[in-house]
Amino acid sequence: MGRLPQILPEGKVFEVQKIWNITHEIMRLHILGFKNVEIASQLNITAQTVSNAVNSTIVKRQMEVMQAKRDVDTIAVAERVVQMSGKALDVLETIMDDEKEPGSVRSKVALSILDRNSETAPVRRTESHGIYEHFLRGKTIAEVKQLARDRGYLSKPAEVEEASFREVESEAV
């Protein structure tokens, strides 16, 4: 890969001197978010080779340029979306107002518009409650059960009718 060892206090480190095709591919995959071991597997090279390339000064510099270009492209796309949103809203409004369109299409368009409106869009939130049994003991378990019943997570226990019974002694055989 065109590398020279640089002697540092912590040991040898291989520094890439020239960016070859394989190095370009490593950079591309790294910028796309692949992990070193995944890149190594795809390119049939060692993970250490990928690490050496990614941590090299020249490659880091080149990846910064590539990421900046990607960021500029992303901003350009976002600006186009903003510019087109007015026209897209007009198209949706035309479809929604057209009596010839099926009701299902018109309702989907209406719901789509409502979902994008910050005042009418439904709040999308996920709540998670976890209870770990190794923290619960005796009285705490009863309190948790009662709290669950109070909040409606558990149904209330059915009324149990007292029954009469008699003890039966086991017979020795």
N, C-alpha and C. Protein backbone atom coordinates (compact mmCIF):
# COMPACT_ATOMS: atom_id res chain seq x y z
N MET A 1 0.82 -1.18 0.00
CA MET A 1 0.00 0.00 0.00
C MET A 1 0.87 1.25 0.00
N GLY A 2 2.16 1.10 -0.11
CA GLY A 2 3.04 2.25 -0.13
C GLY A 2 3.12 2.90 1.23
N ARG A 3 3.75 2.24 2.15
CA ARG A 3 3.79 2.77 3.51
C ARG A 3 5.20 2.66 4.06
N LEU A 4 5.52 3.56 4.93
CA LEU A 4 6.80 3.54 5.60
C LEU A 4 6.55 3.54 7.10
N PRO A 5 7.33 2.73 7.83
CA PRO A 5 7.13 2.75 9.27
C PRO A 5 7.70 4.02 9.87
N GLN A 6 6.95 4.60 10.77
CA GLN A 6 7.44 5.74 11.52
C GLN A 6 7.65 5.27 12.94
N ILE A 7 8.82 5.52 13.45
CA ILE A 7 9.13 5.07 14.80
C ILE A 7 8.62 6.12 15.79
N LEU A 8 7.69 5.69 16.60
CA LEU A 8 7.13 6.55 17.64
C LEU A 8 7.45 5.92 18.99
N PRO A 9 7.35 6.68 20.07
CA PRO A 9 7.66 6.12 21.40
C PRO A 9 6.86 4.86 21.71
N GLU A 10 5.61 4.78 21.24
CA GLU A 10 4.81 3.60 21.57
C GLU A 10 5.04 2.44 20.59
N GLY A 11 5.90 2.59 19.62
CA GLY A 11 6.22 1.50 18.71
C GLY A 11 6.07 1.91 17.25
N LYS A 12 6.12 0.91 16.36
CA LYS A 12 6.02 1.18 14.93
C LYS A 12 4.58 1.51 14.53
N VAL A 13 4.46 2.47 13.66
CA VAL A 13 3.17 2.81 13.07
C VAL A 13 3.41 2.97 11.58
N PHE A 14 2.59 2.29 10.77
CA PHE A 14 2.75 2.40 9.33
C PHE A 14 1.97 3.59 8.81
N GLU A 15 2.65 4.43 8.07
CA GLU A 15 2.06 5.65 7.52
C GLU A 15 1.93 5.49 6.01
N VAL A 16 0.73 5.67 5.49
CA VAL A 16 0.49 5.57 4.05
C VAL A 16 1.20 6.74 3.37
N GLN A 17 1.96 6.42 2.31
CA GLN A 17 2.69 7.45 1.58
C GLN A 17 1.99 7.86 0.30
N LYS A 18 1.22 6.93 -0.28
CA LYS A 18 0.54 7.19 -1.54
C LYS A 18 -0.83 6.53 -1.48
N ILE A 19 -1.82 7.20 -2.01
CA ILE A 19 -3.18 6.65 -2.00
C ILE A 19 -3.39 5.84 -3.27
N TRP A 20 -3.53 4.53 -3.09
CA TRP A 20 -3.77 3.62 -4.19
C TRP A 20 -5.28 3.37 -4.32
N ASN A 21 -5.66 2.58 -5.33
CA ASN A 21 -7.08 2.27 -5.54
C ASN A 21 -7.70 1.62 -4.30
N ILE A 22 -6.97 0.70 -3.70
CA ILE A 22 -7.50 0.01 -2.52
C ILE A 22 -7.70 1.00 -1.38
N THR A 23 -6.82 1.99 -1.28
CA THR A 23 -6.94 3.00 -0.24
C THR A 23 -8.18 3.86 -0.47
N HIS A 24 -8.44 4.18 -1.74
CA HIS A 24 -9.66 4.93 -2.08
C HIS A 24 -10.90 4.15 -1.67
N GLU A 25 -10.87 2.85 -1.92
CA GLU A 25 -12.02 2.01 -1.57
C GLU A 25 -12.18 1.94 -0.05
N ILE A 26 -11.08 1.84 0.68
CA ILE A 26 -11.13 1.85 2.15
C ILE A 26 -11.76 3.16 2.63
N MET A 27 -11.31 4.28 2.07
CA MET A 27 -11.85 5.58 2.48
C MET A 27 -13.34 5.67 2.18
N ARG A 28 -13.73 5.24 0.99
CA ARG A 28 -15.13 5.31 0.59
C ARG A 28 -16.01 4.52 1.54
N LEU A 29 -15.60 3.29 1.83
CA LEU A 29 -16.39 2.44 2.73
C LEU A 29 -16.40 3.00 4.15
N HIS A 30 -15.27 3.57 4.58
CA HIS A 30 -15.20 4.15 5.92
C HIS A 30 -16.15 5.34 6.04
N ILE A 31 -16.18 6.18 5.03
CA ILE A 31 -17.07 7.34 5.04
C ILE A 31 -18.53 6.91 5.00
N LEU A 32 -18.81 5.78 4.35
CA LEU A 32 -20.18 5.26 4.31
C LEU A 32 -20.60 4.66 5.65
N GLY A 33 -19.64 4.51 6.57
CA GLY A 33 -19.99 4.05 7.91
C GLY A 33 -19.66 2.60 8.22
N PHE A 34 -18.97 1.92 7.32
CA PHE A 34 -18.60 0.54 7.59
C PHE A 34 -17.50 0.49 8.64
N LYS A 35 -17.50 -0.57 9.42
CA LYS A 35 -16.46 -0.77 10.43
C LYS A 35 -15.23 -1.37 9.77
N ASN A 36 -14.09 -1.23 10.43
CA ASN A 36 -12.83 -1.71 9.86
C ASN A 36 -12.88 -3.19 9.50
N VAL A 37 -13.45 -4.01 10.38
CA VAL A 37 -13.51 -5.45 10.10
C VAL A 37 -14.42 -5.74 8.91
N GLU A 38 -15.49 -4.96 8.75
CA GLU A 38 -16.38 -5.15 7.60
C GLU A 38 -15.67 -4.76 6.31
N ILE A 39 -14.93 -3.66 6.35
CA ILE A 39 -14.17 -3.22 5.17
C ILE A 39 -13.13 -4.27 4.81
N ALA A 40 -12.43 -4.77 5.82
CA ALA A 40 -11.40 -5.79 5.59
C ALA A 40 -12.00 -7.02 4.95
N SER A 41 -13.15 -7.44 5.44
CA SER A 41 -13.81 -8.62 4.90
C SER A 41 -14.22 -8.41 3.45
N GLN A 42 -14.79 -7.25 3.15
CA GLN A 42 -15.24 -6.96 1.79
C GLN A 42 -14.08 -6.88 0.81
N LEU A 43 -12.97 -6.33 1.25
CA LEU A 43 -11.83 -6.12 0.35
C LEU A 43 -10.79 -7.23 0.43
N ASN A 44 -11.06 -8.21 1.29
CA ASN A 44 -10.16 -9.36 1.45
C ASN A 44 -8.76 -8.91 1.88
N ILE A 45 -8.73 -8.03 2.87
CA ILE A 45 -7.48 -7.57 3.45
C ILE A 45 -7.62 -7.67 4.97
N THR A 46 -6.56 -7.40 5.69
CA THR A 46 -6.64 -7.51 7.14
C THR A 46 -7.23 -6.23 7.74
N ALA A 47 -7.82 -6.39 8.91
CA ALA A 47 -8.38 -5.23 9.62
C ALA A 47 -7.26 -4.25 10.00
N GLN A 48 -6.07 -4.78 10.25
CA GLN A 48 -4.94 -3.91 10.59
C GLN A 48 -4.56 -3.03 9.41
N THR A 49 -4.63 -3.58 8.20
CA THR A 49 -4.35 -2.79 7.00
C THR A 49 -5.35 -1.65 6.88
N VAL A 50 -6.61 -1.95 7.14
CA VAL A 50 -7.65 -0.92 7.10
C VAL A 50 -7.37 0.14 8.16
N SER A 51 -7.05 -0.30 9.36
CA SER A 51 -6.76 0.63 10.45
C SER A 51 -5.57 1.51 10.13
N ASN A 52 -4.51 0.92 9.57
CA ASN A 52 -3.33 1.70 9.19
C ASN A 52 -3.71 2.77 8.18
N ALA A 53 -4.52 2.40 7.20
CA ALA A 53 -4.91 3.36 6.16
C ALA A 53 -5.77 4.47 6.75
N VAL A 54 -6.80 4.09 7.51
CA VAL A 54 -7.74 5.07 8.05
C VAL A 54 -7.06 6.04 9.02
N ASN A 55 -6.08 5.56 9.77
CA ASN A 55 -5.41 6.41 10.76
C ASN A 55 -4.22 7.17 10.19
N SER A 56 -3.93 6.98 8.92
CA SER A 56 -2.81 7.65 8.27
C SER A 56 -3.13 9.13 8.05
N THR A 57 -2.13 9.97 8.18
CA THR A 57 -2.32 11.42 8.03
C THR A 57 -2.85 11.79 6.66
N ILE A 58 -2.25 11.26 5.61
CA ILE A 58 -2.66 11.61 4.25
C ILE A 58 -4.10 11.16 3.97
N VAL A 59 -4.46 9.99 4.48
CA VAL A 59 -5.81 9.47 4.28
C VAL A 59 -6.82 10.28 5.10
N LYS A 60 -6.46 10.63 6.31
CA LYS A 60 -7.36 11.45 7.14
C LYS A 60 -7.65 12.77 6.44
N ARG A 61 -6.60 13.38 5.87
CA ARG A 61 -6.77 14.65 5.17
C ARG A 61 -7.71 14.49 3.98
N GLN A 62 -7.51 13.41 3.21
CA GLN A 62 -8.35 13.16 2.04
C GLN A 62 -9.79 12.87 2.46
N MET A 63 -9.98 12.13 3.56
CA MET A 63 -11.34 11.82 4.02
C MET A 63 -12.05 13.08 4.50
N GLU A 64 -11.32 14.02 5.08
CA GLU A 64 -11.93 15.29 5.48
C GLU A 64 -12.47 16.03 4.26
N VAL A 65 -11.71 16.01 3.17
CA VAL A 65 -12.15 16.64 1.93
C VAL A 65 -13.40 15.94 1.40
N MET A 66 -13.37 14.59 1.41
CA MET A 66 -14.52 13.82 0.92
C MET A 66 -15.76 14.08 1.78
N GLN A 67 -15.60 14.15 3.09
CA GLN A 67 -16.74 14.41 3.97
C GLN A 67 -17.28 15.82 3.77
N ALA A 68 -16.40 16.78 3.55
CA ALA A 68 -16.84 18.15 3.30
C ALA A 68 -17.66 18.21 2.01
N LYS A 69 -17.20 17.49 0.98
CA LYS A 69 -17.95 17.44 -0.29
C LYS A 69 -19.31 16.81 -0.07
N ARG A 70 -19.35 15.74 0.72
CA ARG A 70 -20.62 15.07 1.00
C ARG A 70 -21.55 16.02 1.74
N ASP A 71 -21.01 16.79 2.68
CA ASP A 71 -21.83 17.74 3.44
C ASP A 71 -22.39 18.82 2.53
N VAL A 72 -21.57 19.32 1.60
CA VAL A 72 -22.03 20.34 0.65
C VAL A 72 -23.15 19.77 -0.22
N ASP A 73 -22.98 18.53 -0.68
CA ASP A 73 -24.02 17.89 -1.49
C ASP A 73 -25.31 17.73 -0.70
N THR A 74 -25.20 17.37 0.56
CA THR A 74 -26.37 17.19 1.41
C THR A 74 -27.11 18.52 1.59
N ILE A 75 -26.36 19.58 1.78
CA ILE A 75 -26.98 20.90 1.93
C ILE A 75 -27.68 21.30 0.64
N ALA A 76 -27.07 21.01 -0.50
CA ALA A 76 -27.69 21.33 -1.79
C ALA A 76 -29.01 20.58 -1.96
N VAL A 77 -29.04 19.31 -1.58
CA VAL A 77 -30.27 18.52 -1.69
C VAL A 77 -31.33 19.09 -0.75
N ALA A 78 -30.94 19.44 0.46
CA ALA A 78 -31.90 20.00 1.43
C ALA A 78 -32.49 21.31 0.90
N GLU A 79 -31.67 22.14 0.26
CA GLU A 79 -32.17 23.39 -0.31
C GLU A 79 -33.16 23.12 -1.43
N ARG A 80 -32.88 22.10 -2.26
CA ARG A 80 -33.82 21.74 -3.34
C ARG A 80 -35.15 21.27 -2.77
N VAL A 81 -35.09 20.49 -1.69
CA VAL A 81 -36.32 20.00 -1.06
C VAL A 81 -37.15 21.18 -0.56
N VAL A 82 -36.51 22.16 0.06
CA VAL A 82 -37.22 23.34 0.55
C VAL A 82 -37.85 24.09 -0.62
N GLN A 83 -37.11 24.24 -1.72
CA GLN A 83 -37.64 24.95 -2.89
C GLN A 83 -38.83 24.21 -3.50
N MET A 84 -38.76 22.88 -3.52
CA MET A 84 -39.81 22.09 -4.16
C MET A 84 -41.03 21.89 -3.25
N SER A 85 -40.88 22.13 -1.97
CA SER A 85 -41.98 21.82 -1.06
C SER A 85 -43.23 22.64 -1.35
N GLY A 86 -43.08 23.89 -1.75
CA GLY A 86 -44.25 24.71 -2.10
C GLY A 86 -45.01 24.12 -3.28
N LYS A 87 -44.26 23.73 -4.31
CA LYS A 87 -44.88 23.13 -5.49
C LYS A 87 -45.54 21.79 -5.14
N ALA A 88 -44.86 21.00 -4.32
CA ALA A 88 -45.40 19.70 -3.92
C ALA A 88 -46.69 19.89 -3.13
N LEU A 89 -46.72 20.89 -2.28
CA LEU A 89 -47.93 21.17 -1.50
C LEU A 89 -49.07 21.58 -2.42
N ASP A 90 -48.76 22.36 -3.47
CA ASP A 90 -49.80 22.74 -4.44
C ASP A 90 -50.36 21.52 -5.14
N VAL A 91 -49.49 20.59 -5.53
CA VAL A 91 -49.94 19.36 -6.19
C VAL A 91 -50.83 18.55 -5.24
N LEU A 92 -50.41 18.42 -4.00
CA LEU A 92 -51.22 17.69 -3.02
C LEU A 92 -52.57 18.36 -2.81
N GLU A 93 -52.56 19.68 -2.78
CA GLU A 93 -53.81 20.41 -2.59
C GLU A 93 -54.75 20.20 -3.78
N THR A 94 -54.19 20.18 -4.99
CA THR A 94 -54.99 19.94 -6.19
C THR A 94 -55.63 18.56 -6.14
N ILE A 95 -54.85 17.56 -5.75
CA ILE A 95 -55.37 16.19 -5.65
C ILE A 95 -56.46 16.12 -4.58
N MET A 96 -56.22 16.75 -3.46
CA MET A 96 -57.16 16.70 -2.35
C MET A 96 -58.49 17.38 -2.71
N ASP A 97 -58.43 18.47 -3.49
CA ASP A 97 -59.63 19.22 -3.85
C ASP A 97 -60.36 18.64 -5.05
N ASP A 98 -59.72 17.75 -5.80
CA ASP A 98 -60.33 17.19 -7.02
C ASP A 98 -61.38 16.14 -6.63
N GLU A 99 -62.63 16.45 -6.94
CA GLU A 99 -63.74 15.55 -6.60
C GLU A 99 -63.68 14.24 -7.38
N LYS A 100 -62.96 14.22 -8.50
CA LYS A 100 -62.88 13.01 -9.33
C LYS A 100 -61.92 11.98 -8.74
N GLU A 101 -61.04 12.43 -7.89
CA GLU A 101 -60.09 11.50 -7.26
C GLU A 101 -60.83 10.62 -6.26
N PRO A 102 -60.43 9.35 -6.16
CA PRO A 102 -61.06 8.47 -5.17
C PRO A 102 -60.86 9.00 -3.75
N GLY A 103 -61.81 8.72 -2.91
CA GLY A 103 -61.76 9.19 -1.52
C GLY A 103 -60.52 8.71 -0.79
N SER A 104 -60.09 7.48 -1.10
CA SER A 104 -58.91 6.94 -0.40
C SER A 104 -57.66 7.75 -0.73
N VAL A 105 -57.53 8.15 -1.99
CA VAL A 105 -56.36 8.95 -2.39
C VAL A 105 -56.42 10.31 -1.73
N ARG A 106 -57.60 10.92 -1.74
CA ARG A 106 -57.75 12.25 -1.15
C ARG A 106 -57.49 12.22 0.35
N SER A 107 -57.97 11.16 1.02
CA SER A 107 -57.74 11.09 2.47
C SER A 107 -56.27 10.85 2.79
N LYS A 108 -55.59 10.04 1.97
CA LYS A 108 -54.15 9.82 2.19
C LYS A 108 -53.38 11.12 2.04
N VAL A 109 -53.75 11.91 1.03
CA VAL A 109 -53.09 13.19 0.82
C VAL A 109 -53.36 14.11 2.00
N ALA A 110 -54.59 14.16 2.46
CA ALA A 110 -54.94 15.02 3.59
C ALA A 110 -54.16 14.61 4.84
N LEU A 111 -54.11 13.30 5.11
CA LEU A 111 -53.37 12.83 6.28
C LEU A 111 -51.88 13.12 6.15
N SER A 112 -51.37 13.00 4.93
CA SER A 112 -49.95 13.28 4.69
C SER A 112 -49.64 14.75 5.01
N ILE A 113 -50.53 15.63 4.60
CA ILE A 113 -50.33 17.05 4.87
C ILE A 113 -50.42 17.32 6.37
N LEU A 114 -51.40 16.71 7.02
CA LEU A 114 -51.55 16.90 8.46
C LEU A 114 -50.33 16.39 9.23
N ASP A 115 -49.75 15.28 8.76
CA ASP A 115 -48.57 14.73 9.42
C ASP A 115 -47.37 15.67 9.33
N ARG A 116 -47.33 16.50 8.33
CA ARG A 116 -46.20 17.40 8.14
C ARG A 116 -46.39 18.74 8.86
N ASN A 117 -47.61 19.01 9.31
CA ASN A 117 -47.90 20.26 10.00
C ASN A 117 -47.51 20.11 11.46
N SER A 118 -46.67 20.99 11.93
CA SER A 118 -46.18 20.87 13.31
C SER A 118 -47.28 21.07 14.34
N GLU A 119 -48.37 21.74 13.97
CA GLU A 119 -49.45 21.97 14.92
C GLU A 119 -50.43 20.81 14.99
N THR A 120 -50.58 20.07 13.88
CA THR A 120 -51.58 18.98 13.86
C THR A 120 -50.96 17.60 13.80
N ALA A 121 -49.66 17.52 13.63
CA ALA A 121 -49.01 16.21 13.52
C ALA A 121 -49.11 15.47 14.85
N PRO A 122 -49.35 14.17 14.78
CA PRO A 122 -49.40 13.41 16.02
C PRO A 122 -48.02 13.36 16.67
N VAL A 123 -48.02 13.37 17.98
CA VAL A 123 -46.76 13.27 18.71
C VAL A 123 -46.32 11.83 18.66
N ARG A 124 -45.12 11.62 18.18
CA ARG A 124 -44.60 10.26 18.09
C ARG A 124 -43.54 10.09 19.15
N ARG A 125 -43.90 9.34 20.17
CA ARG A 125 -43.00 9.18 21.30
C ARG A 125 -43.12 7.74 21.79
N THR A 126 -42.02 7.19 22.14
CA THR A 126 -42.01 5.83 22.67
C THR A 126 -41.56 5.89 24.11
N GLU A 127 -42.34 5.28 24.97
CA GLU A 127 -41.96 5.21 26.37
C GLU A 127 -41.63 3.78 26.71
N SER A 128 -40.66 3.61 27.53
CA SER A 128 -40.27 2.28 27.95
C SER A 128 -40.11 2.28 29.46
N HIS A 129 -40.73 1.31 30.08
CA HIS A 129 -40.61 1.17 31.53
C HIS A 129 -40.06 -0.22 31.80
N GLY A 130 -39.01 -0.29 32.54
CA GLY A 130 -38.43 -1.59 32.84
C GLY A 130 -38.28 -1.78 34.34
N ILE A 131 -38.59 -2.96 34.78
CA ILE A 131 -38.41 -3.30 36.19
C ILE A 131 -37.57 -4.56 36.21
N TYR A 132 -36.50 -4.53 36.95
CA TYR A 132 -35.62 -5.67 37.01
C TYR A 132 -35.87 -6.42 38.31
N GLU A 133 -36.17 -7.70 38.18
CA GLU A 133 -36.60 -8.46 39.35
C GLU A 133 -35.56 -8.58 40.44
N HIS A 134 -34.29 -8.48 40.11
CA HIS A 134 -33.30 -8.64 41.17
C HIS A 134 -33.27 -7.43 42.11
N PHE A 135 -33.95 -6.34 41.76
CA PHE A 135 -34.05 -5.20 42.65
C PHE A 135 -35.29 -5.26 43.53
N LEU A 136 -36.22 -6.15 43.23
CA LEU A 136 -37.49 -6.19 43.93
C LEU A 136 -37.48 -7.28 44.99
N ARG A 137 -37.94 -6.92 46.17
CA ARG A 137 -38.00 -7.89 47.25
C ARG A 137 -39.28 -7.63 48.05
N GLY A 138 -39.88 -8.68 48.52
CA GLY A 138 -41.01 -8.65 49.43
C GLY A 138 -42.00 -7.53 49.25
N LYS A 139 -41.92 -6.53 50.12
CA LYS A 139 -42.87 -5.43 50.14
C LYS A 139 -42.85 -4.66 48.81
N THR A 140 -41.69 -4.51 48.22
CA THR A 140 -41.55 -3.78 46.97
C THR A 140 -42.37 -4.43 45.86
N ILE A 141 -42.37 -5.75 45.79
CA ILE A 141 -43.14 -6.44 44.76
C ILE A 141 -44.62 -6.14 44.93
N ALA A 142 -45.11 -6.19 46.15
CA ALA A 142 -46.53 -5.88 46.40
C ALA A 142 -46.84 -4.44 46.01
N GLU A 143 -45.92 -3.51 46.28
CA GLU A 143 -46.13 -2.11 45.91
C GLU A 143 -46.18 -1.94 44.40
N VAL A 144 -45.31 -2.63 43.68
CA VAL A 144 -45.29 -2.54 42.22
C VAL A 144 -46.59 -3.10 41.65
N LYS A 145 -47.04 -4.23 42.18
CA LYS A 145 -48.29 -4.83 41.71
C LYS A 145 -49.46 -3.87 41.94
N GLN A 146 -49.50 -3.26 43.11
CA GLN A 146 -50.58 -2.33 43.42
C GLN A 146 -50.52 -1.11 42.51
N LEU A 147 -49.33 -0.60 42.26
CA LEU A 147 -49.16 0.54 41.37
C LEU A 147 -49.64 0.18 39.96
N ALA A 148 -49.31 -1.03 39.50
CA ALA A 148 -49.75 -1.47 38.18
C ALA A 148 -51.27 -1.57 38.14
N ARG A 149 -51.88 -2.08 39.19
CA ARG A 149 -53.35 -2.15 39.24
C ARG A 149 -53.96 -0.75 39.23
N ASP A 150 -53.38 0.16 40.03
CA ASP A 150 -53.89 1.53 40.12
C ASP A 150 -53.83 2.24 38.77
N ARG A 151 -52.81 1.95 37.99
CA ARG A 151 -52.65 2.60 36.69
C ARG A 151 -53.37 1.86 35.57
N GLY A 152 -53.97 0.74 35.89
CA GLY A 152 -54.75 0.01 34.89
C GLY A 152 -53.95 -0.95 34.05
N TYR A 153 -52.72 -1.24 34.44
CA TYR A 153 -51.91 -2.18 33.68
C TYR A 153 -52.30 -3.62 33.98
N LEU A 154 -52.83 -3.86 35.16
CA LEU A 154 -53.26 -5.20 35.55
C LEU A 154 -54.74 -5.14 35.90
N SER A 155 -55.42 -6.23 35.62
CA SER A 155 -56.83 -6.28 36.02
C SER A 155 -56.89 -6.55 37.51
N LYS A 156 -57.98 -6.10 38.10
CA LYS A 156 -58.15 -6.32 39.54
C LYS A 156 -58.45 -7.79 39.77
N PRO A 157 -57.97 -8.33 40.86
CA PRO A 157 -58.22 -9.75 41.10
C PRO A 157 -59.70 -10.00 41.31
N ALA A 158 -60.14 -11.14 40.81
CA ALA A 158 -61.54 -11.52 40.96
C ALA A 158 -61.83 -11.81 42.43
N GLU A 159 -63.06 -11.57 42.80
CA GLU A 159 -63.46 -11.87 44.16
C GLU A 159 -63.41 -13.37 44.36
N VAL A 160 -62.82 -13.81 45.45
CA VAL A 160 -62.70 -15.23 45.73
C VAL A 160 -63.65 -15.57 46.86
N GLU A 161 -64.42 -16.56 46.62
CA GLU A 161 -65.40 -16.99 47.62
C GLU A 161 -64.73 -17.99 48.55
N GLU A 162 -64.94 -17.80 49.84
CA GLU A 162 -64.38 -18.73 50.81
C GLU A 162 -65.12 -20.05 50.69
N ALA A 163 -64.37 -21.12 50.66
CA ALA A 163 -64.98 -22.45 50.58
C ALA A 163 -64.62 -23.21 51.85
N SER A 164 -65.53 -24.06 52.23
CA SER A 164 -65.23 -24.87 53.40
C SER A 164 -64.44 -26.09 52.96
N PHE A 165 -63.60 -26.55 53.82
CA PHE A 165 -62.81 -27.74 53.49
C PHE A 165 -62.52 -28.49 54.77
N ARG A 166 -62.14 -29.70 54.59
CA ARG A 166 -61.73 -30.48 55.75
C ARG A 166 -60.42 -31.15 55.40
N GLU A 167 -59.58 -31.27 56.39
CA GLU A 167 -58.28 -31.89 56.17
C GLU A 167 -58.45 -33.39 56.14
N VAL A 168 -57.73 -34.00 55.23
CA VAL A 168 -57.76 -35.46 55.11
C VAL A 168 -56.41 -35.96 55.55
N GLU A 169 -56.45 -36.87 56.48
CA GLU A 169 -55.19 -37.44 56.96
C GLU A 169 -54.80 -38.57 56.04
N SER A 170 -53.51 -38.63 55.75
CA SER A 170 -53.06 -39.71 54.88
C SER A 170 -53.00 -41.00 55.67
N GLU A 171 -53.39 -42.04 55.03
CA GLU A 171 -53.39 -43.35 55.70
C GLU A 171 -52.04 -44.01 55.48
N ALA A 172 -51.56 -44.63 56.50
CA ALA A 172 -50.30 -45.36 56.37
C ALA A 172 -50.57 -46.64 55.62
N VAL A 173 -49.76 -46.95 54.65
CA VAL A 173 -49.96 -48.16 53.86
C VAL A 173 -49.13 -49.29 54.36
